[in-house]
Amino acid sequence: MKKRIVSSLLACSLVFTAVSAPSIALADNFDQKIEQKNKEINELKSQQTSLQTKISSLEGEIAGINTQAQALLAKQVKLNEETEQLKQEIADLEVRIERREEAIRNQARDVQVNGSQTTLIDAVLNADSLTDAIGRVQAMSTIVNANNDLVTQQKLDKQAVEDKTAENEAKMAEIQENQVALEAQKGELVSSQAELAVLKADLAIQQSSKESEKETLQEQKAAAEAERARIAEEERLAAAAQAAAAQAAAQAQAQTQTQTQTSIQGTTNNTTSNSTNNSSNDVVNNSTSNSTPTTPNVVTPSAPEVST
């Protein structure tokens, strides 16, 4: 009986030890996995922070480009106003040029018809005096110089119109080129910003997934720890039961030994008592035999049988 109890207790101890060891190892494994998930989550957060820095930088560049574009737009508006004013100036110059050309054409016709020399001679010959002749010659010289100035101014006005028109067109072309370049640069920045935003969103999704995996591991860890606590409680109860059984077995063994010793002692006492009693009886019997005479047995003879 004692051997069966001890064997059962040892078997239970081995079973609980075999079950609890993997549970402890499993809980430790969860800690390692959770730590790994924390590292992965921190890495994703670091990448998100880096991407956000780049996105903020791109947003700053885009804001700068928008500012430049607004400045170019303001210049373009101003140039458009100057262009309208220039167009009006050009229109006025063209009117003056047309009038001058008409005057020059008229003078040319007069020269072709009368000839400049004849006109000058007529002015001198028709003069009333030398002073009048000199005055007429000076007047004719003034007219000729005026015509020359008119032609020169005409050329200058035409050149001014051409220069202003070319300058205005160059400025407009430069503004348009700058606008095109800025729009292209802005498009690239917006595209890069969109790509970074997509990457950031992808990292956020990955982080959310890692957080979910971490929560799952934490739940599994909690379950493993609860299982480990349950097994520990069972081991404690089994150990207590084992100790109680061992104590009961020890008490039973002690009781058995006590009973055995008592039985042996009783048997010994009985044997001794019987021996003493037998010895006493023998002494008494011997004494009686020696003191009391014995009576001899009388044998009665039997009658003889008579045959018929």
C-alpha atoms as a PDB file:
ATOM      1  CA  MET A   1       0.000   0.000   0.000  1.00  0.00           C
ATOM      2  CA  LYS A   2       2.776   2.356   0.921  1.00  0.00           C
ATOM      3  CA  LYS A   3       4.608   1.641  -2.326  1.00  0.00           C
ATOM      4  CA  ARG A   4       1.494   2.370  -4.390  1.00  0.00           C
ATOM      5  CA  ILE A   5       0.992   5.738  -2.691  1.00  0.00           C
ATOM      6  CA  VAL A   6       4.613   6.799  -3.224  1.00  0.00           C
ATOM      7  CA  SER A   7       4.521   5.696  -6.885  1.00  0.00           C
ATOM      8  CA  SER A   8       1.350   7.694  -7.538  1.00  0.00           C
ATOM      9  CA  LEU A   9       2.814  10.811  -5.953  1.00  0.00           C
ATOM     10  CA  LEU A  10       5.997  10.529  -8.013  1.00  0.00           C
ATOM     11  CA  ALA A  11       3.962  10.095 -11.201  1.00  0.00           C
ATOM     12  CA  CYS A  12       1.919  13.222 -10.451  1.00  0.00           C
ATOM     13  CA  SER A  13       5.085  15.178  -9.719  1.00  0.00           C
ATOM     14  CA  LEU A  14       6.620  14.152 -13.039  1.00  0.00           C
ATOM     15  CA  VAL A  15       3.450  15.062 -14.959  1.00  0.00           C
ATOM     16  CA  PHE A  16       3.237  18.551 -13.435  1.00  0.00           C
ATOM     17  CA  THR A  17       6.938  19.140 -14.007  1.00  0.00           C
ATOM     18  CA  ALA A  18       6.616  18.094 -17.656  1.00  0.00           C
ATOM     19  CA  VAL A  19       3.621  20.418 -18.168  1.00  0.00           C
ATOM     20  CA  SER A  20       4.941  23.444 -16.279  1.00  0.00           C
ATOM     21  CA  ALA A  21       8.352  23.582 -17.962  1.00  0.00           C
ATOM     22  CA  PRO A  22       6.950  24.200 -21.493  1.00  0.00           C
ATOM     23  CA  SER A  23       4.506  26.761 -20.084  1.00  0.00           C
ATOM     24  CA  ILE A  24       7.326  28.781 -18.518  1.00  0.00           C
ATOM     25  CA  ALA A  25       9.364  28.551 -21.707  1.00  0.00           C
ATOM     26  CA  LEU A  26       6.297  29.591 -23.728  1.00  0.00           C
ATOM     27  CA  ALA A  27       5.713  32.673 -21.559  1.00  0.00           C
ATOM     28  CA  ASP A  28       9.369  33.672 -21.938  1.00  0.00           C
ATOM     29  CA  ASN A  29       9.041  33.169 -25.702  1.00  0.00           C
ATOM     30  CA  PHE A  30       6.089  35.588 -25.734  1.00  0.00           C
ATOM     31  CA  ASP A  31       8.235  38.202 -23.984  1.00  0.00           C
ATOM     32  CA  GLN A  32      10.862  37.861 -26.713  1.00  0.00           C
ATOM     33  CA  LYS A  33       8.255  38.143 -29.468  1.00  0.00           C
ATOM     34  CA  ILE A  34       6.642  41.188 -27.844  1.00  0.00           C
ATOM     35  CA  GLU A  35      10.056  42.842 -27.500  1.00  0.00           C
ATOM     36  CA  GLN A  36      10.712  42.153 -31.190  1.00  0.00           C
ATOM     37  CA  LYS A  37       7.354  43.706 -32.102  1.00  0.00           C
ATOM     38  CA  ASN A  38       8.218  46.768 -30.013  1.00  0.00           C
ATOM     39  CA  LYS A  39      11.472  47.134 -31.953  1.00  0.00           C
ATOM     40  CA  GLU A  40       9.639  46.814 -35.262  1.00  0.00           C
ATOM     41  CA  ILE A  41       7.002  49.341 -34.170  1.00  0.00           C
ATOM     42  CA  ASN A  42       9.676  51.826 -33.024  1.00  0.00           C
ATOM     43  CA  GLU A  43      11.486  51.403 -36.347  1.00  0.00           C
ATOM     44  CA  LEU A  44       8.256  52.110 -38.249  1.00  0.00           C
ATOM     45  CA  LYS A  45       7.625  55.170 -36.075  1.00  0.00           C
ATOM     46  CA  SER A  46      11.157  56.391 -36.807  1.00  0.00           C
ATOM     47  CA  GLN A  47      10.586  55.939 -40.540  1.00  0.00           C
ATOM     48  CA  GLN A  48       7.278  57.783 -40.288  1.00  0.00           C
ATOM     49  CA  THR A  49       8.979  60.649 -38.466  1.00  0.00           C
ATOM     50  CA  SER A  50      11.664  60.819 -41.164  1.00  0.00           C
ATOM     51  CA  LEU A  51       9.028  60.789 -43.908  1.00  0.00           C
ATOM     52  CA  GLN A  52       7.031  63.475 -42.122  1.00  0.00           C
ATOM     53  CA  THR A  53      10.170  65.627 -41.982  1.00  0.00           C
ATOM     54  CA  LYS A  54      10.644  65.180 -45.732  1.00  0.00           C
ATOM     55  CA  ILE A  55       6.964  65.915 -46.363  1.00  0.00           C
ATOM     56  CA  SER A  56       7.194  69.086 -44.271  1.00  0.00           C
ATOM     57  CA  SER A  57      10.305  70.121 -46.211  1.00  0.00           C
ATOM     58  CA  LEU A  58       8.511  69.528 -49.508  1.00  0.00           C
ATOM     59  CA  GLU A  59       5.514  71.468 -48.256  1.00  0.00           C
ATOM     60  CA  GLY A  60       7.865  74.351 -47.445  1.00  0.00           C
ATOM     61  CA  GLU A  61       9.363  74.199 -50.936  1.00  0.00           C
ATOM     62  CA  ILE A  62       5.906  74.077 -52.494  1.00  0.00           C
ATOM     63  CA  ALA A  63       4.882  77.087 -50.409  1.00  0.00           C
ATOM     64  CA  GLY A  64       8.012  78.900 -51.642  1.00  0.00           C
ATOM     65  CA  ILE A  65       7.173  78.023 -55.240  1.00  0.00           C
ATOM     66  CA  ASN A  66       3.624  79.261 -54.732  1.00  0.00           C
ATOM     67  CA  THR A  67       5.034  82.520 -53.383  1.00  0.00           C
ATOM     68  CA  GLN A  68       7.307  82.857 -56.413  1.00  0.00           C
ATOM     69  CA  ALA A  69       4.406  82.027 -58.701  1.00  0.00           C
ATOM     70  CA  GLN A  70       2.306  84.725 -57.041  1.00  0.00           C
ATOM     71  CA  ALA A  71       5.163  87.200 -57.477  1.00  0.00           C
ATOM     72  CA  LEU A  72       5.470  86.245 -61.138  1.00  0.00           C
ATOM     73  CA  LEU A  73       1.739  86.598 -61.539  1.00  0.00           C
ATOM     74  CA  ALA A  74       1.899  90.085 -60.022  1.00  0.00           C
ATOM     75  CA  LYS A  75       4.729  90.959 -62.431  1.00  0.00           C
ATOM     76  CA  GLN A  76       2.721  89.568 -65.292  1.00  0.00           C
ATOM     77  CA  VAL A  77      -0.269  91.692 -64.308  1.00  0.00           C
ATOM     78  CA  LYS A  78       1.987  94.733 -64.117  1.00  0.00           C
ATOM     79  CA  LEU A  79       3.524  93.882 -67.473  1.00  0.00           C
ATOM     80  CA  ASN A  80       0.079  93.474 -68.955  1.00  0.00           C
ATOM     81  CA  GLU A  81      -0.803  96.948 -67.693  1.00  0.00           C
ATOM     82  CA  GLU A  82       2.472  98.293 -69.098  1.00  0.00           C
ATOM     83  CA  THR A  83       1.742  96.473 -72.329  1.00  0.00           C
ATOM     84  CA  GLU A  84      -1.633  98.161 -72.605  1.00  0.00           C
ATOM     85  CA  GLN A  85       0.011 101.502 -71.914  1.00  0.00           C
ATOM     86  CA  LEU A  86       2.743 100.683 -74.394  1.00  0.00           C
ATOM     87  CA  LYS A  87       0.165  99.760 -76.975  1.00  0.00           C
ATOM     88  CA  GLN A  88      -1.429 103.163 -76.487  1.00  0.00           C
ATOM     89  CA  GLU A  89       1.970 104.855 -76.785  1.00  0.00           C
ATOM     90  CA  ILE A  90       2.706 102.825 -79.887  1.00  0.00           C
ATOM     91  CA  ALA A  91      -0.667 103.820 -81.328  1.00  0.00           C
ATOM     92  CA  ASP A  92       0.095 107.509 -80.620  1.00  0.00           C
ATOM     93  CA  LEU A  93       3.557 107.148 -82.148  1.00  0.00           C
ATOM     94  CA  GLU A  94       2.117 105.471 -85.181  1.00  0.00           C
ATOM     95  CA  VAL A  95      -0.308 108.386 -85.622  1.00  0.00           C
ATOM     96  CA  ARG A  96       2.527 110.886 -85.347  1.00  0.00           C
ATOM     97  CA  ILE A  97       4.666 108.800 -87.665  1.00  0.00           C
ATOM     98  CA  GLU A  98       1.839 108.642 -90.165  1.00  0.00           C
ATOM     99  CA  ARG A  99       1.426 112.422 -90.028  1.00  0.00           C
ATOM    100  CA  ARG A 100       5.134 112.982 -90.413  1.00  0.00           C
ATOM    101  CA  GLU A 101       5.269 110.584 -93.302  1.00  0.00           C
ATOM    102  CA  GLU A 102       2.436 112.491 -94.949  1.00  0.00           C
ATOM    103  CA  ALA A 103       4.251 115.777 -94.430  1.00  0.00           C
ATOM    104  CA  ILE A 104       7.483 114.281 -95.717  1.00  0.00           C
ATOM    105  CA  ARG A 105       5.673 112.914 -98.747  1.00  0.00           C
ATOM    106  CA  ASN A 106       4.172 116.350 -99.438  1.00  0.00           C
ATOM    107  CA  GLN A 107       7.540 118.012 -99.143  1.00  0.00           C
ATOM    108  CA  ALA A 108       9.064 115.404-101.380  1.00  0.00           C
ATOM    109  CA  ARG A 109       6.421 116.072-103.969  1.00  0.00           C
ATOM    110  CA  ASP A 110       7.121 119.813-103.742  1.00  0.00           C
ATOM    111  CA  VAL A 111      10.832 119.225-104.186  1.00  0.00           C
ATOM    112  CA  GLN A 112      10.224 116.932-107.108  1.00  0.00           C
ATOM    113  CA  VAL A 113       7.928 119.491-108.765  1.00  0.00           C
ATOM    114  CA  ASN A 114       9.809 122.691-108.084  1.00  0.00           C
ATOM    115  CA  GLY A 115      13.294 121.541-107.098  1.00  0.00           C
ATOM    116  CA  SER A 116      15.029 122.802-104.036  1.00  0.00           C
ATOM    117  CA  GLN A 117      17.466 125.032-105.905  1.00  0.00           C
ATOM    118  CA  THR A 118      14.675 126.862-107.823  1.00  0.00           C
ATOM    119  CA  THR A 119      12.730 127.431-104.637  1.00  0.00           C
ATOM    120  CA  LEU A 120      15.795 128.879-102.921  1.00  0.00           C
ATOM    121  CA  ILE A 121      16.593 131.087-105.961  1.00  0.00           C
ATOM    122  CA  ASP A 122      13.025 132.282-106.155  1.00  0.00           C
ATOM    123  CA  ALA A 123      13.117 133.192-102.513  1.00  0.00           C
ATOM    124  CA  VAL A 124      16.278 135.269-103.013  1.00  0.00           C
ATOM    125  CA  LEU A 125      15.144 136.909-106.241  1.00  0.00           C
ATOM    126  CA  ASN A 126      11.769 137.791-104.909  1.00  0.00           C
ATOM    127  CA  ALA A 127      13.247 139.364-101.810  1.00  0.00           C
ATOM    128  CA  ASP A 128      12.750 143.113-101.413  1.00  0.00           C
ATOM    129  CA  SER A 129      16.135 143.634 -99.880  1.00  0.00           C
ATOM    130  CA  LEU A 130      19.275 141.870 -98.861  1.00  0.00           C
ATOM    131  CA  THR A 131      17.960 141.520 -95.388  1.00  0.00           C
ATOM    132  CA  ASP A 132      14.765 140.006 -96.728  1.00  0.00           C
ATOM    133  CA  ALA A 133      16.796 137.645 -98.909  1.00  0.00           C
ATOM    134  CA  ILE A 134      18.907 136.534 -95.948  1.00  0.00           C
ATOM    135  CA  GLY A 135      15.778 136.025 -93.889  1.00  0.00           C
ATOM    136  CA  ARG A 136      14.190 133.953 -96.601  1.00  0.00           C
ATOM    137  CA  VAL A 137      17.347 131.847 -96.969  1.00  0.00           C
ATOM    138  CA  GLN A 138      17.413 131.256 -93.197  1.00  0.00           C
ATOM    139  CA  ALA A 139      13.745 130.371 -93.275  1.00  0.00           C
ATOM    140  CA  MET A 140      14.325 127.914 -96.062  1.00  0.00           C
ATOM    141  CA  SER A 141      17.298 126.453 -94.149  1.00  0.00           C
ATOM    142  CA  THR A 142      15.143 126.160 -91.045  1.00  0.00           C
ATOM    143  CA  ILE A 143      12.475 124.342 -93.024  1.00  0.00           C
ATOM    144  CA  VAL A 144      15.038 121.957 -94.453  1.00  0.00           C
ATOM    145  CA  ASN A 145      16.537 121.326 -91.015  1.00  0.00           C
ATOM    146  CA  ALA A 146      13.062 120.818 -89.625  1.00  0.00           C
ATOM    147  CA  ASN A 147      12.360 118.292 -92.282  1.00  0.00           C
ATOM    148  CA  ASN A 148      15.602 116.521 -91.470  1.00  0.00           C
ATOM    149  CA  ASP A 149      14.717 116.570 -87.769  1.00  0.00           C
ATOM    150  CA  LEU A 150      11.301 115.256 -88.658  1.00  0.00           C
ATOM    151  CA  VAL A 151      12.808 112.365 -90.545  1.00  0.00           C
ATOM    152  CA  THR A 152      15.286 111.692 -87.733  1.00  0.00           C
ATOM    153  CA  GLN A 153      12.544 111.777 -85.082  1.00  0.00           C
ATOM    154  CA  GLN A 154      10.459 109.545 -87.243  1.00  0.00           C
ATOM    155  CA  LYS A 155      13.246 106.997 -87.309  1.00  0.00           C
ATOM    156  CA  LEU A 156      13.768 107.331 -83.548  1.00  0.00           C
ATOM    157  CA  ASP A 157      10.063 106.878 -82.816  1.00  0.00           C
ATOM    158  CA  LYS A 158       9.882 103.828 -85.019  1.00  0.00           C
ATOM    159  CA  GLN A 159      12.948 102.384 -83.297  1.00  0.00           C
ATOM    160  CA  ALA A 160      11.456 103.180 -79.884  1.00  0.00           C
ATOM    161  CA  VAL A 161       8.280 101.356 -80.824  1.00  0.00           C
ATOM    162  CA  GLU A 162      10.278  98.350 -81.964  1.00  0.00           C
ATOM    163  CA  ASP A 163      12.470  98.387 -78.836  1.00  0.00           C
ATOM    164  CA  LYS A 164       9.536  98.691 -76.428  1.00  0.00           C
ATOM    165  CA  THR A 165       7.638  95.988 -78.232  1.00  0.00           C
ATOM    166  CA  ALA A 166      10.661  93.655 -78.174  1.00  0.00           C
ATOM    167  CA  GLU A 167      11.345  94.431 -74.507  1.00  0.00           C
ATOM    168  CA  ASN A 168       7.755  93.798 -73.545  1.00  0.00           C
ATOM    169  CA  GLU A 169       7.666  90.546 -75.493  1.00  0.00           C
ATOM    170  CA  ALA A 170      10.953  89.437 -73.894  1.00  0.00           C
ATOM    171  CA  LYS A 171       9.616  90.142 -70.408  1.00  0.00           C
ATOM    172  CA  MET A 172       6.390  88.311 -71.130  1.00  0.00           C
ATOM    173  CA  ALA A 173       8.330  85.352 -72.535  1.00  0.00           C
ATOM    174  CA  GLU A 174      10.600  85.286 -69.466  1.00  0.00           C
ATOM    175  CA  ILE A 175       7.638  85.349 -67.127  1.00  0.00           C
ATOM    176  CA  GLN A 176       5.946  82.566 -69.046  1.00  0.00           C
ATOM    177  CA  GLU A 177       9.129  80.479 -69.001  1.00  0.00           C
ATOM    178  CA  ASN A 178       9.508  81.037 -65.275  1.00  0.00           C
ATOM    179  CA  GLN A 179       5.906  80.092 -64.747  1.00  0.00           C
ATOM    180  CA  VAL A 180       6.330  76.928 -66.789  1.00  0.00           C
ATOM    181  CA  ALA A 181       9.503  76.028 -64.859  1.00  0.00           C
ATOM    182  CA  LEU A 182       7.838  76.732 -61.522  1.00  0.00           C
ATOM    183  CA  GLU A 183       4.775  74.714 -62.467  1.00  0.00           C
ATOM    184  CA  ALA A 184       7.001  71.804 -63.528  1.00  0.00           C
ATOM    185  CA  GLN A 185       8.999  72.037 -60.296  1.00  0.00           C
ATOM    186  CA  LYS A 186       5.803  72.316 -58.296  1.00  0.00           C
ATOM    187  CA  GLY A 187       4.419  69.279 -60.118  1.00  0.00           C
ATOM    188  CA  GLU A 188       7.519  67.262 -59.226  1.00  0.00           C
ATOM    189  CA  LEU A 189       7.310  68.354 -55.596  1.00  0.00           C
ATOM    190  CA  VAL A 190       3.608  67.568 -55.410  1.00  0.00           C
ATOM    191  CA  SER A 191       4.298  64.151 -56.957  1.00  0.00           C
ATOM    192  CA  SER A 192       7.091  63.508 -54.450  1.00  0.00           C
ATOM    193  CA  GLN A 193       4.844  64.698 -51.650  1.00  0.00           C
ATOM    194  CA  ALA A 194       2.116  62.308 -52.796  1.00  0.00           C
ATOM    195  CA  GLU A 195       4.597  59.409 -52.942  1.00  0.00           C
ATOM    196  CA  LEU A 196       5.846  60.202 -49.441  1.00  0.00           C
ATOM    197  CA  ALA A 197       2.274  60.451 -48.213  1.00  0.00           C
ATOM    198  CA  VAL A 198       1.575  57.000 -49.682  1.00  0.00           C
ATOM    199  CA  LEU A 199       4.696  55.620 -48.004  1.00  0.00           C
ATOM    200  CA  LYS A 200       3.688  57.226 -44.733  1.00  0.00           C
ATOM    201  CA  ALA A 201       0.208  55.725 -45.007  1.00  0.00           C
ATOM    202  CA  ASP A 202       1.735  52.319 -45.787  1.00  0.00           C
ATOM    203  CA  LEU A 203       3.982  52.610 -42.739  1.00  0.00           C
ATOM    204  CA  ALA A 204       0.962  53.567 -40.650  1.00  0.00           C
ATOM    205  CA  ILE A 205      -0.823  50.436 -41.884  1.00  0.00           C
ATOM    206  CA  GLN A 206       2.230  48.327 -41.071  1.00  0.00           C
ATOM    207  CA  GLN A 207       2.438  49.919 -37.635  1.00  0.00           C
ATOM    208  CA  SER A 208      -1.249  49.215 -37.020  1.00  0.00           C
ATOM    209  CA  SER A 209      -0.688  45.596 -38.056  1.00  0.00           C
ATOM    210  CA  LYS A 210       2.318  45.304 -35.733  1.00  0.00           C
ATOM    211  CA  GLU A 211       0.315  46.865 -32.897  1.00  0.00           C
ATOM    212  CA  SER A 212      -2.435  44.302 -33.505  1.00  0.00           C
ATOM    213  CA  GLU A 213       0.111  41.472 -33.523  1.00  0.00           C
ATOM    214  CA  LYS A 214       1.595  42.853 -30.314  1.00  0.00           C
ATOM    215  CA  GLU A 215      -1.838  42.924 -28.666  1.00  0.00           C
ATOM    216  CA  THR A 216      -2.416  39.326 -29.766  1.00  0.00           C
ATOM    217  CA  LEU A 217       0.926  38.304 -28.277  1.00  0.00           C
ATOM    218  CA  GLN A 218       0.115  40.115 -25.055  1.00  0.00           C
ATOM    219  CA  GLU A 219      -3.210  38.299 -24.854  1.00  0.00           C
ATOM    220  CA  GLN A 220      -1.481  34.985 -25.530  1.00  0.00           C
ATOM    221  CA  LYS A 221       1.136  35.855 -22.918  1.00  0.00           C
ATOM    222  CA  ALA A 222      -1.579  36.649 -20.385  1.00  0.00           C
ATOM    223  CA  ALA A 223      -3.256  33.329 -21.172  1.00  0.00           C
ATOM    224  CA  ALA A 224       0.088  31.525 -20.821  1.00  0.00           C
ATOM    225  CA  GLU A 225       0.774  33.253 -17.507  1.00  0.00           C
ATOM    226  CA  ALA A 226      -2.711  32.335 -16.299  1.00  0.00           C
ATOM    227  CA  GLU A 227      -2.072  28.744 -17.351  1.00  0.00           C
ATOM    228  CA  ARG A 228       1.283  28.829 -15.612  1.00  0.00           C
ATOM    229  CA  ALA A 229      -0.373  30.165 -12.449  1.00  0.00           C
ATOM    230  CA  ARG A 230      -3.002  27.434 -12.674  1.00  0.00           C
ATOM    231  CA  ILE A 231      -0.329  24.768 -13.090  1.00  0.00           C
ATOM    232  CA  ALA A 232       1.660  26.253 -10.209  1.00  0.00           C
ATOM    233  CA  GLU A 233      -1.443  26.092  -8.024  1.00  0.00           C
ATOM    234  CA  GLU A 234      -2.018  22.500  -9.079  1.00  0.00           C
ATOM    235  CA  GLU A 235       1.616  21.720  -8.301  1.00  0.00           C
ATOM    236  CA  ARG A 236       1.244  23.368  -4.915  1.00  0.00           C
ATOM    237  CA  LEU A 237      -1.883  21.372  -4.201  1.00  0.00           C
ATOM    238  CA  ALA A 238      -0.206  18.200  -5.481  1.00  0.00           C
ATOM    239  CA  ALA A 239       2.829  18.874  -3.296  1.00  0.00           C
ATOM    240  CA  ALA A 240       0.552  19.468  -0.316  1.00  0.00           C
ATOM    241  CA  ALA A 241      -1.330  16.275  -1.122  1.00  0.00           C
ATOM    242  CA  GLN A 242       1.967  14.463  -1.523  1.00  0.00           C
ATOM    243  CA  ALA A 243       3.184  15.748   1.818  1.00  0.00           C
ATOM    244  CA  ALA A 244      -0.123  14.814   3.458  1.00  0.00           C
ATOM    245  CA  ALA A 245      -0.010  11.363   1.870  1.00  0.00           C
ATOM    246  CA  ALA A 246       3.582  10.905   2.961  1.00  0.00           C
ATOM    247  CA  GLN A 247       2.660  11.968   6.468  1.00  0.00           C
ATOM    248  CA  ALA A 248      -0.334   9.614   6.438  1.00  0.00           C
ATOM    249  CA  ALA A 249       1.863   6.804   5.135  1.00  0.00           C
ATOM    250  CA  ALA A 250       4.419   7.509   7.848  1.00  0.00           C
ATOM    251  CA  GLN A 251       1.716   7.545  10.472  1.00  0.00           C
ATOM    252  CA  ALA A 252       0.236   4.305   9.078  1.00  0.00           C
ATOM    253  CA  GLN A 253       3.662   2.719   9.056  1.00  0.00           C
ATOM    254  CA  ALA A 254       4.315   3.844  12.606  1.00  0.00           C
ATOM    255  CA  GLN A 255       0.926   2.526  13.675  1.00  0.00           C
ATOM    256  CA  THR A 256       1.590  -0.770  11.927  1.00  0.00           C
ATOM    257  CA  GLN A 257       4.957  -1.055  13.606  1.00  0.00           C
ATOM    258  CA  THR A 258       3.374  -0.281  16.964  1.00  0.00           C
ATOM    259  CA  GLN A 259       0.670  -2.886  16.435  1.00  0.00           C
ATOM    260  CA  THR A 260       3.254  -5.440  15.328  1.00  0.00           C
ATOM    261  CA  GLN A 261       5.402  -4.790  18.345  1.00  0.00           C
ATOM    262  CA  THR A 262       2.345  -5.015  20.597  1.00  0.00           C
ATOM    263  CA  SER A 263       1.299  -8.303  19.007  1.00  0.00           C
ATOM    264  CA  ILE A 264       4.788  -9.733  19.349  1.00  0.00           C
ATOM    265  CA  GLN A 265       4.953  -8.606  22.951  1.00  0.00           C
ATOM    266  CA  GLY A 266       1.564 -10.186  23.664  1.00  0.00           C
ATOM    267  CA  THR A 267       2.593 -13.473  22.079  1.00  0.00           C
ATOM    268  CA  THR A 268       5.789 -13.505  24.095  1.00  0.00           C
ATOM    269  CA  ASN A 269       3.898 -12.857  27.298  1.00  0.00           C
ATOM    270  CA  ASN A 270       1.386 -15.630  26.531  1.00  0.00           C
ATOM    271  CA  THR A 271       4.148 -18.096  25.798  1.00  0.00           C
ATOM    272  CA  THR A 272       5.912 -17.238  29.025  1.00  0.00           C
ATOM    273  CA  SER A 273       2.691 -17.518  30.993  1.00  0.00           C
ATOM    274  CA  ASN A 274       1.827 -20.866  29.463  1.00  0.00           C
ATOM    275  CA  SER A 275       5.267 -22.197  30.191  1.00  0.00           C
ATOM    276  CA  THR A 276       4.986 -21.072  33.783  1.00  0.00           C
ATOM    277  CA  ASN A 277       1.550 -22.602  34.161  1.00  0.00           C
ATOM    278  CA  ASN A 278       2.663 -25.915  32.669  1.00  0.00           C
ATOM    279  CA  SER A 279       5.618 -26.071  34.987  1.00  0.00           C
ATOM    280  CA  SER A 280       3.404 -25.399  37.963  1.00  0.00           C
ATOM    281  CA  ASN A 281       0.959 -28.107  36.933  1.00  0.00           C
ATOM    282  CA  ASP A 282       3.726 -30.646  36.523  1.00  0.00           C
ATOM    283  CA  VAL A 283       4.990 -29.920  40.023  1.00  0.00           C
ATOM    284  CA  VAL A 284       1.530 -30.255  41.512  1.00  0.00           C
ATOM    285  CA  ASN A 285       0.838 -33.465  39.660  1.00  0.00           C
ATOM    286  CA  ASN A 286       4.089 -34.987  40.743  1.00  0.00           C
ATOM    287  CA  SER A 287       3.423 -34.060  44.320  1.00  0.00           C
ATOM    288  CA  THR A 288      -0.030 -35.620  44.258  1.00  0.00           C
ATOM    289  CA  SER A 289       1.269 -38.783  42.709  1.00  0.00           C
ATOM    290  CA  ASN A 290       3.859 -39.231  45.391  1.00  0.00           C
ATOM    291  CA  SER A 291       1.524 -38.615  48.362  1.00  0.00           C
ATOM    292  CA  THR A 292      -1.664 -40.539  47.335  1.00  0.00           C
ATOM    293  CA  PRO A 293      -1.522 -44.391  46.820  1.00  0.00           C
ATOM    294  CA  THR A 294      -3.073 -45.801  43.736  1.00  0.00           C
ATOM    295  CA  THR A 295      -5.788 -48.517  43.846  1.00  0.00           C
ATOM    296  CA  PRO A 296      -5.161 -51.512  41.587  1.00  0.00           C
ATOM    297  CA  ASN A 297      -7.758 -52.311  39.031  1.00  0.00           C
ATOM    298  CA  VAL A 298      -9.783 -55.538  39.665  1.00  0.00           C
ATOM    299  CA  VAL A 299     -10.393 -57.665  36.648  1.00  0.00           C
ATOM    300  CA  THR A 300     -13.623 -59.698  36.718  1.00  0.00           C
ATOM    301  CA  PRO A 301     -13.378 -62.993  34.838  1.00  0.00           C
ATOM    302  CA  SER A 302     -15.912 -63.575  32.123  1.00  0.00           C
ATOM    303  CA  ALA A 303     -18.263 -66.646  32.111  1.00  0.00           C
ATOM    304  CA  PRO A 304     -17.472 -69.377  29.594  1.00  0.00           C
ATOM    305  CA  GLU A 305     -19.706 -69.711  26.600  1.00  0.00           C
ATOM    306  CA  VAL A 306     -21.892 -72.914  26.476  1.00  0.00           C
ATOM    307  CA  SER A 307     -22.416 -74.425  23.083  1.00  0.00           C
ATOM    308  CA  THR A 308     -25.770 -76.141  22.369  1.00  0.00           C
END
